[in-house]
């Protein structure tokens, strides 16, 4: 899916053929799952409101977790030019915050309705994506610290209650067939999220670049002054004004593309934020699950 934007989606024969195969086999899969007495994946469990909402919320958390894992190192590598070590140091705060959040969630889950904890987790993740939407081309570990803490700390608050509330309302005899579908939704959300974010980056980078380029005209005095300064600097290094002007134009193009890419990353983070805001609003529709019906640990 993540190669779809690069291959022009359905203009590519391989993607078109795979889409037909997936569509036909998907219909056959649904038909068999609904008619067979003991299906591998029990789609009939989606009739349970908690389970269907839990699947959707698990899908959204998959979008958030995997898409941000994809976007942040990509930004640091391609826009900031960080090495693998620098990128690892910059994103370390996310994992540290997640480790801190886990024992806190375990303590709070014994005292507070998990629906409230889930709303906190989803809303905090949405806030993190909102803070990421102000991303600038020079952001590094210092600027990413707070957004990544907001992203890492509430992960367990978003994931664990979805499992408990989604699977905890199902009868035990149905649980083993439904848990596979539930667990698949998070991974599916990650795959879809990465593909959509890749498409957003591709399309929005081009859109923002065209907008920026439309303002880089001879009537733009600031741009002309910067171009003259770069031409003088590069001309002295390259041995003439012609070579200096060509180098200045090349640098101007790279600056415009860098800013367009940064704006595209901000758009991708905003899209994830919208998904989490919507998911947060759905949490009150979940029914409370008592301790006796809680999902077993192996369902995680």
Protein backbone atom coordinates (compact mmCIF):
# COMPACT_ATOMS: atom_id res chain seq x y z
CA UNK A 1 0.00 0.00 0.00
CA UNK A 2 2.77 2.44 0.79
CA UNK A 3 4.04 2.17 -2.82
CA UNK A 4 0.66 3.18 -4.23
CA UNK A 5 1.45 6.89 -4.48
CA UNK A 6 4.82 6.14 -6.07
CA UNK A 7 3.27 3.79 -8.64
CA UNK A 8 0.26 6.03 -9.38
CA UNK A 9 -2.26 3.72 -7.75
CA UNK A 10 -4.72 2.21 -10.23
CA UNK A 11 -2.80 3.46 -13.25
CA UNK A 12 -0.37 0.66 -12.42
CA UNK A 13 -1.38 -2.81 -13.67
CA UNK A 14 0.09 -4.64 -10.67
CA UNK A 15 -1.91 -2.55 -8.19
CA UNK A 16 -5.08 -2.94 -10.27
CA UNK A 17 -4.67 -6.73 -10.46
CA UNK A 18 -3.98 -6.97 -6.72
CA UNK A 19 -7.04 -4.81 -5.98
CA UNK A 20 -9.28 -7.14 -8.01
CA UNK A 21 -7.85 -10.20 -6.31
CA UNK A 22 -8.25 -8.62 -2.86
CA UNK A 23 -11.81 -7.53 -3.64
CA UNK A 24 -12.97 -10.94 -4.89
CA UNK A 25 -11.26 -12.92 -2.13
CA UNK A 26 -12.55 -10.42 0.44
CA UNK A 27 -16.15 -11.05 -0.65
CA UNK A 28 -15.60 -14.82 -0.49
CA UNK A 29 -14.00 -14.48 2.94
CA UNK A 30 -16.97 -12.50 4.31
CA UNK A 31 -19.47 -14.95 2.83
CA UNK A 32 -17.71 -17.96 4.36
CA UNK A 33 -17.19 -16.27 7.73
CA UNK A 34 -20.91 -15.48 7.98
CA UNK A 35 -22.14 -18.93 6.91
CA UNK A 36 -19.62 -21.32 8.50
CA UNK A 37 -20.37 -22.51 12.04
CA UNK A 38 -16.81 -22.09 13.34
CA UNK A 39 -15.01 -19.55 11.14
CA UNK A 40 -11.37 -18.64 11.57
CA UNK A 41 -12.49 -15.02 12.03
CA UNK A 42 -15.93 -14.44 13.55
CA UNK A 43 -17.39 -11.44 11.73
CA UNK A 44 -20.71 -11.96 13.48
CA UNK A 45 -19.08 -10.59 16.62
CA UNK A 46 -19.25 -7.16 14.97
CA UNK A 47 -22.92 -7.16 15.92
CA UNK A 48 -21.75 -6.51 19.48
CA UNK A 49 -21.50 -2.73 19.88
CA UNK A 50 -18.51 -2.80 22.20
CA UNK A 51 -16.64 -5.15 19.92
CA UNK A 52 -17.33 -3.22 16.71
CA UNK A 53 -16.41 0.10 18.35
CA UNK A 54 -13.36 -1.52 19.93
CA UNK A 55 -12.24 -2.76 16.50
CA UNK A 56 -12.59 0.73 15.05
CA UNK A 57 -10.74 2.32 17.96
CA UNK A 58 -8.02 -0.30 17.65
CA UNK A 59 -7.83 0.56 13.94
CA UNK A 60 -7.38 4.26 14.77
CA UNK A 61 -4.71 3.57 17.39
CA UNK A 62 -2.89 1.50 14.78
CA UNK A 63 -3.00 4.48 12.43
CA UNK A 64 -1.53 6.73 15.10
CA UNK A 65 1.15 4.45 16.48
CA UNK A 66 2.53 3.08 13.21
CA UNK A 67 2.12 6.25 11.13
CA UNK A 68 4.03 8.39 13.61
CA UNK A 69 6.76 5.74 13.81
CA UNK A 70 6.94 6.09 10.02
CA UNK A 71 6.69 9.89 9.75
CA UNK A 72 9.04 11.11 12.48
CA UNK A 73 12.24 9.27 11.42
CA UNK A 74 11.40 10.05 7.79
CA UNK A 75 11.24 13.76 8.57
CA UNK A 76 14.44 13.68 10.61
CA UNK A 77 16.28 11.74 7.92
CA UNK A 78 15.13 13.52 4.76
CA UNK A 79 14.36 17.06 5.93
CA UNK A 80 16.81 17.47 8.82
CA UNK A 81 19.46 15.19 7.37
CA UNK A 82 19.96 13.30 10.63
CA UNK A 83 21.97 10.09 10.79
CA UNK A 84 20.45 6.89 12.16
CA UNK A 85 22.08 7.55 15.55
CA UNK A 86 20.82 11.15 15.71
CA UNK A 87 17.33 10.00 14.73
CA UNK A 88 17.34 7.33 17.43
CA UNK A 89 18.38 9.85 20.08
CA UNK A 90 15.69 12.29 18.90
CA UNK A 91 12.84 9.74 19.12
CA UNK A 92 14.07 8.09 22.33
CA UNK A 93 11.74 10.25 24.44
CA UNK A 94 8.69 8.50 22.96
CA UNK A 95 9.74 5.08 24.24
CA UNK A 96 10.77 6.46 27.61
CA UNK A 97 7.41 8.19 28.05
CA UNK A 98 5.59 5.00 27.08
CA UNK A 99 7.49 3.03 29.72
CA UNK A 100 6.58 5.59 32.36
CA UNK A 101 2.93 5.55 31.31
CA UNK A 102 2.45 1.78 31.61
CA UNK A 103 2.66 1.36 35.43
CA UNK A 104 0.62 4.53 35.91
CA UNK A 105 -2.13 3.09 33.72
CA UNK A 106 -2.10 -0.20 35.65
CA UNK A 107 -2.62 1.68 38.93
CA UNK A 108 -5.34 3.97 37.56
CA UNK A 109 -7.22 1.14 35.80
CA UNK A 110 -8.00 -0.39 39.20
CA UNK A 111 -9.67 2.82 40.39
CA UNK A 112 -11.07 4.63 37.34
CA UNK A 113 -13.50 3.62 34.60
CA UNK A 114 -11.33 2.51 31.67
CA UNK A 115 -13.53 4.49 29.28
CA UNK A 116 -12.29 7.70 30.90
CA UNK A 117 -8.72 6.47 30.68
CA UNK A 118 -9.21 5.66 27.01
CA UNK A 119 -10.64 9.11 26.32
CA UNK A 120 -7.59 10.60 28.02
CA UNK A 121 -5.26 8.46 25.92
CA UNK A 122 -6.93 9.26 22.60
CA UNK A 123 -7.30 12.97 23.42
CA UNK A 124 -3.64 13.19 24.48
CA UNK A 125 -2.57 11.53 21.25
CA UNK A 126 -4.70 14.02 19.32
CA UNK A 127 -3.01 16.85 21.26
CA UNK A 128 0.38 15.39 20.36
CA UNK A 129 -0.54 15.37 16.67
CA UNK A 130 -1.74 18.97 16.98
CA UNK A 131 1.61 19.96 18.48
CA UNK A 132 3.40 18.10 15.67
CA UNK A 133 1.42 20.14 13.12
CA UNK A 134 3.56 23.19 13.97
CA UNK A 135 6.68 21.34 12.84
CA UNK A 136 9.45 23.44 11.27
CA UNK A 137 12.36 22.40 9.08
CA UNK A 138 14.87 22.92 11.92
CA UNK A 139 13.09 20.79 14.55
CA UNK A 140 15.29 18.32 16.36
CA UNK A 141 15.28 16.39 19.63
CA UNK A 142 14.69 19.52 21.76
CA UNK A 143 11.67 20.73 19.81
CA UNK A 144 10.22 17.21 19.49
CA UNK A 145 10.52 16.42 23.20
CA UNK A 146 7.08 17.61 24.37
CA UNK A 147 5.14 16.35 21.33
CA UNK A 148 6.78 12.94 21.67
CA UNK A 149 6.06 12.72 25.40
CA UNK A 150 2.41 13.53 24.61
CA UNK A 151 2.52 10.80 21.99
CA UNK A 152 4.35 8.12 23.99
CA UNK A 153 2.85 8.47 27.46
CA UNK A 154 -0.83 7.90 26.49
CA UNK A 155 -0.25 4.96 24.14
CA UNK A 156 -1.10 2.35 26.76
CA UNK A 157 -4.15 4.43 27.77
CA UNK A 158 -5.43 4.17 24.19
CA UNK A 159 -4.51 0.54 23.46
CA UNK A 160 -5.25 -1.45 26.64
CA UNK A 161 -8.82 -0.19 27.27
CA UNK A 162 -9.75 -0.94 23.66
CA UNK A 163 -8.84 -4.59 24.27
CA UNK A 164 -10.64 -4.78 27.61
CA UNK A 165 -13.79 -3.00 26.47
CA UNK A 166 -13.87 -4.53 23.00
CA UNK A 167 -13.31 -8.16 23.88
CA UNK A 168 -14.57 -8.13 27.46
CA UNK A 169 -18.24 -8.04 26.44
CA UNK A 170 -18.06 -11.20 24.28
CA UNK A 171 -18.95 -14.70 25.51
CA UNK A 172 -15.88 -16.86 26.11
CA UNK A 173 -16.85 -19.35 23.39
CA UNK A 174 -16.86 -16.55 20.79
CA UNK A 175 -13.78 -14.78 22.12
CA UNK A 176 -11.19 -17.08 20.53
CA UNK A 177 -12.65 -16.53 17.05
CA UNK A 178 -13.17 -12.78 17.45
CA UNK A 179 -9.78 -11.93 18.99
CA UNK A 180 -8.00 -12.58 15.68
CA UNK A 181 -10.14 -9.97 13.93
CA UNK A 182 -9.62 -7.52 16.77
CA UNK A 183 -5.83 -7.87 16.75
CA UNK A 184 -5.75 -7.61 12.95
CA UNK A 185 -7.49 -4.23 13.04
CA UNK A 186 -4.55 -2.50 14.73
CA UNK A 187 -2.10 -3.84 12.17
CA UNK A 188 -4.51 -3.00 9.36
CA UNK A 189 -4.82 0.52 10.73
CA UNK A 190 -1.04 0.82 10.67
CA UNK A 191 -0.84 -0.33 7.04
CA UNK A 192 -3.64 1.99 5.92
CA UNK A 193 -2.24 4.88 7.96
CA UNK A 194 1.24 4.57 6.49
CA UNK A 195 -0.17 4.33 2.96
CA UNK A 196 -2.41 7.37 3.44
CA UNK A 197 0.39 9.39 5.05
CA UNK A 198 2.67 8.49 2.15
CA UNK A 199 0.03 9.73 -0.30
CA UNK A 200 -0.44 12.93 1.74
CA UNK A 201 3.31 13.59 1.73
CA UNK A 202 3.52 13.04 -2.01
CA UNK A 203 0.49 15.11 -2.99
CA UNK A 204 0.85 17.91 -0.45
CA UNK A 205 4.57 18.37 -1.11
CA UNK A 206 3.80 19.01 -4.77
CA UNK A 207 0.90 21.32 -3.87
CA UNK A 208 2.90 23.35 -1.36
CA UNK A 209 5.89 23.52 -3.71
CA UNK A 210 3.75 24.95 -6.51
CA UNK A 211 2.32 27.52 -4.10
CA UNK A 212 5.76 28.55 -2.86
CA UNK A 213 7.18 28.63 -6.39
CA UNK A 214 4.34 30.89 -7.54
CA UNK A 215 5.64 33.55 -5.13
CA UNK A 216 9.28 33.25 -6.21
CA UNK A 217 8.95 35.76 -9.05
CA UNK A 218 11.09 38.72 -10.18
CA UNK A 219 8.67 41.01 -8.35
CA UNK A 220 9.59 39.36 -5.02
CA UNK A 221 12.22 41.77 -3.70
CA UNK A 222 13.30 39.63 -0.75
CA UNK A 223 13.83 36.62 -3.01
CA UNK A 224 15.82 38.69 -5.51
CA UNK A 225 18.07 40.04 -2.76
CA UNK A 226 18.68 36.55 -1.39
CA UNK A 227 19.42 35.29 -4.90
CA UNK A 228 21.95 38.06 -5.48
CA UNK A 229 23.68 37.32 -2.19
CA UNK A 230 23.87 33.59 -2.96
CA UNK A 231 25.10 34.33 -6.51
CA UNK A 232 27.92 36.51 -5.16
CA UNK A 233 28.88 33.88 -2.58
CA UNK A 234 28.79 30.93 -4.97
CA UNK A 235 30.32 32.94 -7.83
CA UNK A 236 33.45 33.55 -5.81
CA UNK A 237 33.70 29.85 -4.93
CA UNK A 238 32.89 28.48 -8.41
CA UNK A 239 34.84 30.98 -10.49
CA UNK A 240 32.21 33.16 -12.14
CA UNK A 241 28.75 34.76 -11.94
CA UNK A 242 27.16 32.29 -14.38
CA UNK A 243 28.11 29.25 -12.30
CA UNK A 244 27.27 31.20 -9.14
CA UNK A 245 23.77 32.05 -10.44
CA UNK A 246 23.10 28.42 -11.38
CA UNK A 247 24.22 27.27 -7.92
CA UNK A 248 22.05 29.97 -6.29
CA UNK A 249 18.98 28.83 -8.27
CA UNK A 250 19.67 25.23 -7.26
CA UNK A 251 19.92 26.20 -3.61
CA UNK A 252 16.71 28.24 -3.89
CA UNK A 253 14.93 25.20 -5.35
CA UNK A 254 16.13 23.01 -2.47
CA UNK A 255 15.02 25.59 0.09
CA UNK A 256 11.55 25.76 -1.47
CA UNK A 257 11.30 21.97 -1.61
CA UNK A 258 12.42 21.64 2.02
CA UNK A 259 9.69 24.02 3.18
CA UNK A 260 7.09 22.30 1.00
CA UNK A 261 8.06 18.92 2.48
CA UNK A 262 7.84 20.30 6.02
CA UNK A 263 4.34 21.65 5.37
CA UNK A 264 3.33 18.26 3.96
CA UNK A 265 4.47 16.52 7.16
CA UNK A 266 2.37 18.99 9.13
CA UNK A 267 -0.64 18.08 6.96
CA UNK A 268 -0.08 14.36 7.63
CA UNK A 269 0.03 14.95 11.39
CA UNK A 270 -3.18 17.00 11.18
CA UNK A 271 -4.92 14.14 9.37
CA UNK A 272 -3.97 11.75 12.18
CA UNK A 273 -5.18 14.32 14.72
CA UNK A 274 -8.62 14.45 13.07
CA UNK A 275 -8.89 10.65 13.25
CA UNK A 276 -8.09 10.67 16.97
CA UNK A 277 -10.51 13.51 17.74
CA UNK A 278 -13.28 11.50 16.05
CA UNK A 279 -12.26 8.35 17.93
CA UNK A 280 -12.30 10.21 21.26
CA UNK A 281 -15.90 11.28 20.65
CA UNK A 282 -16.92 7.64 20.12
CA UNK A 283 -15.65 6.34 23.46
CA UNK A 284 -18.79 7.32 25.48
CA UNK A 285 -20.76 4.94 23.23
CA UNK A 286 -18.91 1.99 24.74
CA UNK A 287 -20.64 0.06 27.50
CA UNK A 288 -18.78 -0.43 30.77
CA UNK A 289 -17.38 -3.95 31.18
CA UNK A 290 -17.30 -5.45 34.65
CA UNK A 291 -14.24 -7.22 36.07
CA UNK A 292 -15.87 -10.61 35.65
CA UNK A 293 -16.21 -10.13 31.90
CA UNK A 294 -12.81 -8.58 31.34
CA UNK A 295 -10.81 -9.90 28.43
CA UNK A 296 -8.11 -12.42 29.37
CA UNK A 297 -4.49 -11.36 29.15
CA UNK A 298 -3.74 -13.59 26.16
CA UNK A 299 -6.21 -11.60 24.06
CA UNK A 300 -3.70 -8.73 24.01
